[in-house]
Amino acid sequence: MAEASANQRKHGCCVVSCKPGPTFHRFPQDPKIRSLWIDACKKVVRRSFESNSCNIRICSKHFLPDDYERDMRSELLGLPTKKRLKPTAVPSRNLDP
């Protein structure tokens, strides 16, 4: 079995049944978008979720490919691309209880 990355060991995904994906995202600072994320994840998250939403992470498995911005600079330079969420992205995949 492959060893979990340092990021996975430190944070983990807030979704209970998740085997974390390669990248993690913090919950947004914008109160409206944060509220949408909390509502989307409410049924499938670990305990003390809402009171701790500033410290938890959710992995890339819960977002659609269209939720990410293209990393044009890295693409043009032939570098590894970075997964950066669009400001309006909300988790919507693999959130079944």
PDB file of N, CA and C in Angstrom:
ATOM      1  N   MET A   1       0.851  -1.184   0.000  1.00  0.00           N
ATOM      2  CA  MET A   1       0.000   0.000   0.000  1.00  0.00           C
ATOM      3  C   MET A   1       0.890   1.238   0.000  1.00  0.00           C
ATOM      4  N   ALA A   2       0.530   2.240  -0.824  1.00  0.00           N
ATOM      5  CA  ALA A   2       1.337   3.454  -0.919  1.00  0.00           C
ATOM      6  C   ALA A   2       1.185   4.279   0.349  1.00  0.00           C
ATOM      7  N   GLU A   3       2.263   4.908   0.740  1.00  0.00           N
ATOM      8  CA  GLU A   3       2.239   5.738   1.934  1.00  0.00           C
ATOM      9  C   GLU A   3       1.515   7.040   1.628  1.00  0.00           C
ATOM     10  N   ALA A   4       0.689   7.510   2.539  1.00  0.00           N
ATOM     11  CA  ALA A   4      -0.037   8.766   2.346  1.00  0.00           C
ATOM     12  C   ALA A   4       0.940   9.926   2.340  1.00  0.00           C
ATOM     13  N   SER A   5       0.601  10.948   1.557  1.00  0.00           N
ATOM     14  CA  SER A   5       1.453  12.129   1.512  1.00  0.00           C
ATOM     15  C   SER A   5       1.396  12.843   2.859  1.00  0.00           C
ATOM     16  N   ALA A   6       2.354  13.720   3.089  1.00  0.00           N
ATOM     17  CA  ALA A   6       2.378  14.486   4.344  1.00  0.00           C
ATOM     18  C   ALA A   6       1.112  15.311   4.477  1.00  0.00           C
ATOM     19  N   ASN A   7       0.611  15.846   3.375  1.00  0.00           N
ATOM     20  CA  ASN A   7      -0.602  16.663   3.400  1.00  0.00           C
ATOM     21  C   ASN A   7      -1.803  15.821   3.818  1.00  0.00           C
ATOM     22  N   GLN A   8      -1.906  14.575   3.313  1.00  0.00           N
ATOM     23  CA  GLN A   8      -3.013  13.708   3.682  1.00  0.00           C
ATOM     24  C   GLN A   8      -2.947  13.333   5.150  1.00  0.00           C
ATOM     25  N   ARG A   9      -1.755  13.014   5.657  1.00  0.00           N
ATOM     26  CA  ARG A   9      -1.623  12.644   7.062  1.00  0.00           C
ATOM     27  C   ARG A   9      -1.983  13.817   7.961  1.00  0.00           C
ATOM     28  N   LYS A  10      -1.603  15.011   7.570  1.00  0.00           N
ATOM     29  CA  LYS A  10      -1.822  16.178   8.409  1.00  0.00           C
ATOM     30  C   LYS A  10      -3.278  16.621   8.411  1.00  0.00           C
ATOM     31  N   HIS A  11      -3.922  16.636   7.241  1.00  0.00           N
ATOM     32  CA  HIS A  11      -5.257  17.205   7.148  1.00  0.00           C
ATOM     33  C   HIS A  11      -6.345  16.174   6.892  1.00  0.00           C
ATOM     34  N   GLY A  12      -6.218  15.361   5.871  1.00  0.00           N
ATOM     35  CA  GLY A  12      -7.262  14.421   5.508  1.00  0.00           C
ATOM     36  C   GLY A  12      -8.450  15.136   4.897  1.00  0.00           C
ATOM     37  N   CYS A  13      -9.349  14.359   4.347  1.00  0.00           N
ATOM     38  CA  CYS A  13     -10.559  14.900   3.726  1.00  0.00           C
ATOM     39  C   CYS A  13     -11.672  14.865   4.771  1.00  0.00           C
ATOM     40  N   CYS A  14     -12.495  15.908   4.785  1.00  0.00           N
ATOM     41  CA  CYS A  14     -13.566  15.992   5.784  1.00  0.00           C
ATOM     42  C   CYS A  14     -14.708  15.016   5.507  1.00  0.00           C
ATOM     43  N   VAL A  15     -14.767  14.446   4.305  1.00  0.00           N
ATOM     44  CA  VAL A  15     -15.835  13.505   3.971  1.00  0.00           C
ATOM     45  C   VAL A  15     -15.502  12.144   4.577  1.00  0.00           C
ATOM     46  N   VAL A  16     -16.422  11.605   5.365  1.00  0.00           N
ATOM     47  CA  VAL A  16     -16.189  10.406   6.165  1.00  0.00           C
ATOM     48  C   VAL A  16     -15.729   9.212   5.344  1.00  0.00           C
ATOM     49  N   SER A  17     -16.405   8.903   4.268  1.00  0.00           N
ATOM     50  CA  SER A  17     -16.114   7.678   3.523  1.00  0.00           C
ATOM     51  C   SER A  17     -15.068   7.863   2.428  1.00  0.00           C
ATOM     52  N   CYS A  18     -14.363   8.968   2.418  1.00  0.00           N
ATOM     53  CA  CYS A  18     -13.449   9.296   1.326  1.00  0.00           C
ATOM     54  C   CYS A  18     -12.061   8.693   1.507  1.00  0.00           C
ATOM     55  N   LYS A  19     -11.548   8.168   0.421  1.00  0.00           N
ATOM     56  CA  LYS A  19     -10.131   7.826   0.321  1.00  0.00           C
ATOM     57  C   LYS A  19      -9.546   8.990  -0.458  1.00  0.00           C
ATOM     58  N   PRO A  20      -8.843   9.907   0.202  1.00  0.00           N
ATOM     59  CA  PRO A  20      -8.504  11.220  -0.362  1.00  0.00           C
ATOM     60  C   PRO A  20      -7.807  11.199  -1.719  1.00  0.00           C
ATOM     61  N   GLY A  21      -8.166  12.213  -2.494  1.00  0.00           N
ATOM     62  CA  GLY A  21      -7.547  12.438  -3.795  1.00  0.00           C
ATOM     63  C   GLY A  21      -6.202  13.120  -3.640  1.00  0.00           C
ATOM     64  N   PRO A  22      -5.598  13.485  -4.757  1.00  0.00           N
ATOM     65  CA  PRO A  22      -4.231  14.006  -4.730  1.00  0.00           C
ATOM     66  C   PRO A  22      -4.078  15.427  -4.182  1.00  0.00           C
ATOM     67  N   THR A  23      -5.131  16.207  -4.209  1.00  0.00           N
ATOM     68  CA  THR A  23      -5.003  17.579  -3.710  1.00  0.00           C
ATOM     69  C   THR A  23      -6.118  17.893  -2.720  1.00  0.00           C
ATOM     70  N   PHE A  24      -5.847  18.864  -1.838  1.00  0.00           N
ATOM     71  CA  PHE A  24      -6.812  19.287  -0.835  1.00  0.00           C
ATOM     72  C   PHE A  24      -7.097  20.767  -0.985  1.00  0.00           C
ATOM     73  N   HIS A  25      -8.318  21.147  -0.623  1.00  0.00           N
ATOM     74  CA  HIS A  25      -8.730  22.543  -0.717  1.00  0.00           C
ATOM     75  C   HIS A  25      -9.310  22.987   0.617  1.00  0.00           C
ATOM     76  N   ARG A  26      -8.948  24.196   1.033  1.00  0.00           N
ATOM     77  CA  ARG A  26      -9.549  24.789   2.236  1.00  0.00           C
ATOM     78  C   ARG A  26     -10.914  25.340   1.889  1.00  0.00           C
ATOM     79  N   PHE A  27     -11.756  25.438   2.886  1.00  0.00           N
ATOM     80  CA  PHE A  27     -13.057  26.050   2.675  1.00  0.00           C
ATOM     81  C   PHE A  27     -12.847  27.543   2.421  1.00  0.00           C
ATOM     82  N   PRO A  28     -13.641  28.119   1.505  1.00  0.00           N
ATOM     83  CA  PRO A  28     -13.432  29.524   1.121  1.00  0.00           C
ATOM     84  C   PRO A  28     -13.720  30.508   2.248  1.00  0.00           C
ATOM     85  N   GLN A  29     -13.086  31.669   2.167  1.00  0.00           N
ATOM     86  CA  GLN A  29     -13.298  32.734   3.149  1.00  0.00           C
ATOM     87  C   GLN A  29     -14.614  33.466   2.914  1.00  0.00           C
ATOM     88  N   ASP A  30     -15.037  33.572   1.653  1.00  0.00           N
ATOM     89  CA  ASP A  30     -16.286  34.272   1.315  1.00  0.00           C
ATOM     90  C   ASP A  30     -17.449  33.574   2.018  1.00  0.00           C
ATOM     91  N   PRO A  31     -18.181  34.288   2.890  1.00  0.00           N
ATOM     92  CA  PRO A  31     -19.251  33.651   3.675  1.00  0.00           C
ATOM     93  C   PRO A  31     -20.338  32.994   2.831  1.00  0.00           C
ATOM     94  N   LYS A  32     -20.683  33.572   1.684  1.00  0.00           N
ATOM     95  CA  LYS A  32     -21.733  32.999   0.837  1.00  0.00           C
ATOM     96  C   LYS A  32     -21.276  31.670   0.229  1.00  0.00           C
ATOM     97  N   ILE A  33     -20.065  31.645  -0.300  1.00  0.00           N
ATOM     98  CA  ILE A  33     -19.550  30.425  -0.909  1.00  0.00           C
ATOM     99  C   ILE A  33     -19.276  29.373   0.173  1.00  0.00           C
ATOM    100  N   ARG A  34     -18.730  29.794   1.313  1.00  0.00           N
ATOM    101  CA  ARG A  34     -18.488  28.866   2.428  1.00  0.00           C
ATOM    102  C   ARG A  34     -19.793  28.198   2.853  1.00  0.00           C
ATOM    103  N   SER A  35     -20.865  28.967   2.916  1.00  0.00           N
ATOM    104  CA  SER A  35     -22.168  28.433   3.294  1.00  0.00           C
ATOM    105  C   SER A  35     -22.636  27.382   2.288  1.00  0.00           C
ATOM    106  N   LEU A  36     -22.397  27.616   0.996  1.00  0.00           N
ATOM    107  CA  LEU A  36     -22.755  26.635  -0.031  1.00  0.00           C
ATOM    108  C   LEU A  36     -21.954  25.341   0.140  1.00  0.00           C
ATOM    109  N   TRP A  37     -20.668  25.476   0.459  1.00  0.00           N
ATOM    110  CA  TRP A  37     -19.816  24.295   0.688  1.00  0.00           C
ATOM    111  C   TRP A  37     -20.325  23.513   1.897  1.00  0.00           C
ATOM    112  N   ILE A  38     -20.643  24.198   2.971  1.00  0.00           N
ATOM    113  CA  ILE A  38     -21.134  23.538   4.190  1.00  0.00           C
ATOM    114  C   ILE A  38     -22.441  22.812   3.906  1.00  0.00           C
ATOM    115  N   ASP A  39     -23.355  23.471   3.185  1.00  0.00           N
ATOM    116  CA  ASP A  39     -24.624  22.825   2.845  1.00  0.00           C
ATOM    117  C   ASP A  39     -24.411  21.593   1.967  1.00  0.00           C
ATOM    118  N   ALA A  40     -23.483  21.674   1.022  1.00  0.00           N
ATOM    119  CA  ALA A  40     -23.218  20.555   0.115  1.00  0.00           C
ATOM    120  C   ALA A  40     -22.635  19.360   0.861  1.00  0.00           C
ATOM    121  N   CYS A  41     -21.867  19.621   1.902  1.00  0.00           N
ATOM    122  CA  CYS A  41     -21.142  18.551   2.607  1.00  0.00           C
ATOM    123  C   CYS A  41     -21.795  18.090   3.898  1.00  0.00           C
ATOM    124  N   LYS A  42     -22.858  18.732   4.324  1.00  0.00           N
ATOM    125  CA  LYS A  42     -23.437  18.504   5.643  1.00  0.00           C
ATOM    126  C   LYS A  42     -23.721  17.041   5.974  1.00  0.00           C
ATOM    127  N   LYS A  43     -24.200  16.264   5.024  1.00  0.00           N
ATOM    128  CA  LYS A  43     -24.639  14.895   5.305  1.00  0.00           C
ATOM    129  C   LYS A  43     -23.507  13.876   5.327  1.00  0.00           C
ATOM    130  N   VAL A  44     -22.313  14.266   4.884  1.00  0.00           N
ATOM    131  CA  VAL A  44     -21.261  13.262   4.720  1.00  0.00           C
ATOM    132  C   VAL A  44     -19.953  13.603   5.425  1.00  0.00           C
ATOM    133  N   VAL A  45     -19.968  14.563   6.316  1.00  0.00           N
ATOM    134  CA  VAL A  45     -18.714  14.995   6.932  1.00  0.00           C
ATOM    135  C   VAL A  45     -18.534  14.438   8.336  1.00  0.00           C
ATOM    136  N   ARG A  46     -17.292  14.535   8.780  1.00  0.00           N
ATOM    137  CA  ARG A  46     -16.940  14.078  10.121  1.00  0.00           C
ATOM    138  C   ARG A  46     -17.566  14.997  11.173  1.00  0.00           C
ATOM    139  N   ARG A  47     -17.580  14.558  12.425  1.00  0.00           N
ATOM    140  CA  ARG A  47     -18.141  15.354  13.528  1.00  0.00           C
ATOM    141  C   ARG A  47     -17.444  16.694  13.684  1.00  0.00           C
ATOM    142  N   SER A  48     -18.081  17.600  14.368  1.00  0.00           N
ATOM    143  CA  SER A  48     -17.601  18.961  14.652  1.00  0.00           C
ATOM    144  C   SER A  48     -17.207  19.709  13.388  1.00  0.00           C
ATOM    145  N   PHE A  49     -17.899  19.419  12.309  1.00  0.00           N
ATOM    146  CA  PHE A  49     -17.604  20.008  11.010  1.00  0.00           C
ATOM    147  C   PHE A  49     -17.863  21.505  10.953  1.00  0.00           C
ATOM    148  N   GLU A  50     -19.091  21.930  11.268  1.00  0.00           N
ATOM    149  CA  GLU A  50     -19.438  23.342  11.107  1.00  0.00           C
ATOM    150  C   GLU A  50     -18.632  24.248  12.015  1.00  0.00           C
ATOM    151  N   SER A  51     -18.358  23.818  13.223  1.00  0.00           N
ATOM    152  CA  SER A  51     -17.610  24.670  14.146  1.00  0.00           C
ATOM    153  C   SER A  51     -16.129  24.722  13.785  1.00  0.00           C
ATOM    154  N   ASN A  52     -15.676  23.799  12.938  1.00  0.00           N
ATOM    155  CA  ASN A  52     -14.268  23.709  12.615  1.00  0.00           C
ATOM    156  C   ASN A  52     -14.007  23.913  11.119  1.00  0.00           C
ATOM    157  N   SER A  53     -14.928  24.520  10.387  1.00  0.00           N
ATOM    158  CA  SER A  53     -14.821  24.594   8.937  1.00  0.00           C
ATOM    159  C   SER A  53     -13.661  25.451   8.448  1.00  0.00           C
ATOM    160  N   CYS A  54     -13.039  26.225   9.307  1.00  0.00           N
ATOM    161  CA  CYS A  54     -11.891  27.029   8.861  1.00  0.00           C
ATOM    162  C   CYS A  54     -10.613  26.202   8.836  1.00  0.00           C
ATOM    163  N   ASN A  55     -10.565  25.069   9.525  1.00  0.00           N
ATOM    164  CA  ASN A  55      -9.357  24.253   9.576  1.00  0.00           C
ATOM    165  C   ASN A  55      -9.430  22.969   8.766  1.00  0.00           C
ATOM    166  N   ILE A  56     -10.609  22.599   8.289  1.00  0.00           N
ATOM    167  CA  ILE A  56     -10.728  21.332   7.587  1.00  0.00           C
ATOM    168  C   ILE A  56     -10.459  21.496   6.099  1.00  0.00           C
ATOM    169  N   ARG A  57     -10.223  20.365   5.440  1.00  0.00           N
ATOM    170  CA  ARG A  57      -9.950  20.338   4.006  1.00  0.00           C
ATOM    171  C   ARG A  57     -10.887  19.340   3.343  1.00  0.00           C
ATOM    172  N   ILE A  58     -11.101  19.542   2.061  1.00  0.00           N
ATOM    173  CA  ILE A  58     -11.842  18.594   1.244  1.00  0.00           C
ATOM    174  C   ILE A  58     -10.981  18.289   0.026  1.00  0.00           C
ATOM    175  N   CYS A  59     -10.978  17.043  -0.401  1.00  0.00           N
ATOM    176  CA  CYS A  59     -10.057  16.656  -1.479  1.00  0.00           C
ATOM    177  C   CYS A  59     -10.665  16.881  -2.861  1.00  0.00           C
ATOM    178  N   SER A  60      -9.804  16.757  -3.841  1.00  0.00           N
ATOM    179  CA  SER A  60     -10.165  17.033  -5.232  1.00  0.00           C
ATOM    180  C   SER A  60     -11.197  16.061  -5.804  1.00  0.00           C
ATOM    181  N   LYS A  61     -11.420  14.915  -5.150  1.00  0.00           N
ATOM    182  CA  LYS A  61     -12.401  13.944  -5.640  1.00  0.00           C
ATOM    183  C   LYS A  61     -13.832  14.468  -5.593  1.00  0.00           C
ATOM    184  N   HIS A  62     -14.049  15.572  -4.884  1.00  0.00           N
ATOM    185  CA  HIS A  62     -15.403  16.082  -4.697  1.00  0.00           C
ATOM    186  C   HIS A  62     -15.731  17.269  -5.610  1.00  0.00           C
ATOM    187  N   PHE A  63     -14.866  17.508  -6.593  1.00  0.00           N
ATOM    188  CA  PHE A  63     -15.070  18.611  -7.532  1.00  0.00           C
ATOM    189  C   PHE A  63     -15.069  18.094  -8.965  1.00  0.00           C
ATOM    190  N   LEU A  64     -15.813  18.767  -9.830  1.00  0.00           N
ATOM    191  CA  LEU A  64     -15.855  18.435 -11.249  1.00  0.00           C
ATOM    192  C   LEU A  64     -14.649  19.039 -11.955  1.00  0.00           C
ATOM    193  N   PRO A  65     -14.228  18.466 -13.079  1.00  0.00           N
ATOM    194  CA  PRO A  65     -13.118  19.062 -13.828  1.00  0.00           C
ATOM    195  C   PRO A  65     -13.373  20.527 -14.199  1.00  0.00           C
ATOM    196  N   ASP A  66     -14.629  20.879 -14.459  1.00  0.00           N
ATOM    197  CA  ASP A  66     -14.964  22.265 -14.810  1.00  0.00           C
ATOM    198  C   ASP A  66     -14.863  23.223 -13.627  1.00  0.00           C
ATOM    199  N   ASP A  67     -14.702  22.703 -12.419  1.00  0.00           N
ATOM    200  CA  ASP A  67     -14.568  23.558 -11.233  1.00  0.00           C
ATOM    201  C   ASP A  67     -13.173  24.166 -11.120  1.00  0.00           C
ATOM    202  N   TYR A  68     -12.250  23.722 -11.957  1.00  0.00           N
ATOM    203  CA  TYR A  68     -10.862  24.186 -11.881  1.00  0.00           C
ATOM    204  C   TYR A  68     -10.531  25.180 -12.983  1.00  0.00           C
ATOM    205  N   GLU A  69      -9.694  26.162 -12.629  1.00  0.00           N
ATOM    206  CA  GLU A  69      -9.180  27.112 -13.612  1.00  0.00           C
ATOM    207  C   GLU A  69      -8.001  26.466 -14.339  1.00  0.00           C
ATOM    208  N   ARG A  70      -7.819  26.833 -15.588  1.00  0.00           N
ATOM    209  CA  ARG A  70      -6.648  26.334 -16.325  1.00  0.00           C
ATOM    210  C   ARG A  70      -5.411  27.087 -15.859  1.00  0.00           C
ATOM    211  N   ASP A  71      -4.330  26.371 -15.746  1.00  0.00           N
ATOM    212  CA  ASP A  71      -3.040  26.952 -15.369  1.00  0.00           C
ATOM    213  C   ASP A  71      -2.260  27.192 -16.662  1.00  0.00           C
ATOM    214  N   MET A  72      -2.643  28.262 -17.372  1.00  0.00           N
ATOM    215  CA  MET A  72      -2.082  28.541 -18.692  1.00  0.00           C
ATOM    216  C   MET A  72      -0.568  28.732 -18.656  1.00  0.00           C
ATOM    217  N   ARG A  73      -0.075  29.405 -17.663  1.00  0.00           N
ATOM    218  CA  ARG A  73       1.364  29.672 -17.569  1.00  0.00           C
ATOM    219  C   ARG A  73       2.155  28.362 -17.543  1.00  0.00           C
ATOM    220  N   SER A  74       1.737  27.450 -16.658  1.00  0.00           N
ATOM    221  CA  SER A  74       2.424  26.167 -16.559  1.00  0.00           C
ATOM    222  C   SER A  74       2.255  25.341 -17.831  1.00  0.00           C
ATOM    223  N   GLU A  75       1.059  25.390 -18.422  1.00  0.00           N
ATOM    224  CA  GLU A  75       0.817  24.654 -19.666  1.00  0.00           C
ATOM    225  C   GLU A  75       1.755  25.144 -20.768  1.00  0.00           C
ATOM    226  N   LEU A  76       1.860  26.457 -20.900  1.00  0.00           N
ATOM    227  CA  LEU A  76       2.708  27.035 -21.952  1.00  0.00           C
ATOM    228  C   LEU A  76       4.188  26.754 -21.728  1.00  0.00           C
ATOM    229  N   LEU A  77       4.599  26.709 -20.476  1.00  0.00           N
ATOM    230  CA  LEU A  77       6.005  26.459 -20.156  1.00  0.00           C
ATOM    231  C   LEU A  77       6.329  24.971 -20.039  1.00  0.00           C
ATOM    232  N   GLY A  78       5.312  24.124 -20.170  1.00  0.00           N
ATOM    233  CA  GLY A  78       5.530  22.690 -20.072  1.00  0.00           C
ATOM    234  C   GLY A  78       5.808  22.217 -18.659  1.00  0.00           C
ATOM    235  N   LEU A  79       5.329  22.985 -17.678  1.00  0.00           N
ATOM    236  CA  LEU A  79       5.525  22.638 -16.274  1.00  0.00           C
ATOM    237  C   LEU A  79       4.306  21.886 -15.742  1.00  0.00           C
ATOM    238  N   PRO A  80       4.443  21.194 -14.622  1.00  0.00           N
ATOM    239  CA  PRO A  80       3.265  20.557 -14.019  1.00  0.00           C
ATOM    240  C   PRO A  80       2.219  21.624 -13.674  1.00  0.00           C
ATOM    241  N   THR A  81       0.975  21.326 -13.980  1.00  0.00           N
ATOM    242  CA  THR A  81      -0.085  22.299 -13.724  1.00  0.00           C
ATOM    243  C   THR A  81      -0.539  22.243 -12.273  1.00  0.00           C
ATOM    244  N   LYS A  82      -1.033  23.376 -11.777  1.00  0.00           N
ATOM    245  CA  LYS A  82      -1.556  23.470 -10.410  1.00  0.00           C
ATOM    246  C   LYS A  82      -3.076  23.407 -10.464  1.00  0.00           C
ATOM    247  N   LYS A  83      -3.662  22.692  -9.503  1.00  0.00           N
ATOM    248  CA  LYS A  83      -5.115  22.608  -9.428  1.00  0.00           C
ATOM    249  C   LYS A  83      -5.619  23.767  -8.579  1.00  0.00           C
ATOM    250  N   ARG A  84      -6.213  24.745  -9.241  1.00  0.00           N
ATOM    251  CA  ARG A  84      -6.749  25.913  -8.543  1.00  0.00           C
ATOM    252  C   ARG A  84      -8.242  25.992  -8.832  1.00  0.00           C
ATOM    253  N   LEU A  85      -9.036  26.003  -7.768  1.00  0.00           N
ATOM    254  CA  LEU A  85     -10.487  26.065  -7.934  1.00  0.00           C
ATOM    255  C   LEU A  85     -10.929  27.446  -8.400  1.00  0.00           C
ATOM    256  N   LYS A  86     -12.003  27.461  -9.184  1.00  0.00           N
ATOM    257  CA  LYS A  86     -12.644  28.721  -9.547  1.00  0.00           C
ATOM    258  C   LYS A  86     -13.279  29.278  -8.272  1.00  0.00           C
ATOM    259  N   PRO A  87     -13.377  30.592  -8.146  1.00  0.00           N
ATOM    260  CA  PRO A  87     -13.949  31.188  -6.921  1.00  0.00           C
ATOM    261  C   PRO A  87     -15.383  30.747  -6.634  1.00  0.00           C
ATOM    262  N   THR A  88     -16.109  30.335  -7.662  1.00  0.00           N
ATOM    263  CA  THR A  88     -17.514  29.941  -7.477  1.00  0.00           C
ATOM    264  C   THR A  88     -17.711  28.432  -7.361  1.00  0.00           C
ATOM    265  N   ALA A  89     -16.630  27.665  -7.360  1.00  0.00           N
ATOM    266  CA  ALA A  89     -16.732  26.203  -7.307  1.00  0.00           C
ATOM    267  C   ALA A  89     -17.317  25.737  -5.975  1.00  0.00           C
ATOM    268  N   VAL A  90     -18.173  24.706  -6.046  1.00  0.00           N
ATOM    269  CA  VAL A  90     -18.777  24.107  -4.863  1.00  0.00           C
ATOM    270  C   VAL A  90     -18.628  22.589  -4.997  1.00  0.00           C
ATOM    271  N   PRO A  91     -18.240  21.873  -3.944  1.00  0.00           N
ATOM    272  CA  PRO A  91     -18.115  20.421  -4.040  1.00  0.00           C
ATOM    273  C   PRO A  91     -19.444  19.780  -4.433  1.00  0.00           C
ATOM    274  N   SER A  92     -19.389  18.852  -5.394  1.00  0.00           N
ATOM    275  CA  SER A  92     -20.630  18.248  -5.858  1.00  0.00           C
ATOM    276  C   SER A  92     -20.496  16.766  -6.217  1.00  0.00           C
ATOM    277  N   ARG A  93     -19.307  16.205  -6.152  1.00  0.00           N
ATOM    278  CA  ARG A  93     -19.102  14.796  -6.511  1.00  0.00           C
ATOM    279  C   ARG A  93     -18.821  13.950  -5.276  1.00  0.00           C
ATOM    280  N   ASN A  94     -19.215  12.685  -5.360  1.00  0.00           N
ATOM    281  CA  ASN A  94     -18.918  11.708  -4.307  1.00  0.00           C
ATOM    282  C   ASN A  94     -19.336  12.195  -2.922  1.00  0.00           C
ATOM    283  N   LEU A  95     -20.514  12.750  -2.836  1.00  0.00           N
ATOM    284  CA  LEU A  95     -21.020  13.266  -1.564  1.00  0.00           C
ATOM    285  C   LEU A  95     -22.253  12.504  -1.091  1.00  0.00           C
ATOM    286  N   ASP A  96     -22.402  11.264  -1.555  1.00  0.00           N
ATOM    287  CA  ASP A  96     -23.539  10.454  -1.125  1.00  0.00           C
ATOM    288  C   ASP A  96     -23.261   9.860   0.248  1.00  0.00           C
ATOM    289  N   PRO A  97     -24.255   9.906   1.158  1.00  0.00           N
ATOM    290  CA  PRO A  97     -24.043   9.338   2.504  1.00  0.00           C
ATOM    291  C   PRO A  97     -23.865   7.839   2.482  1.00  0.00           C
TER     292      PRO A  97
END
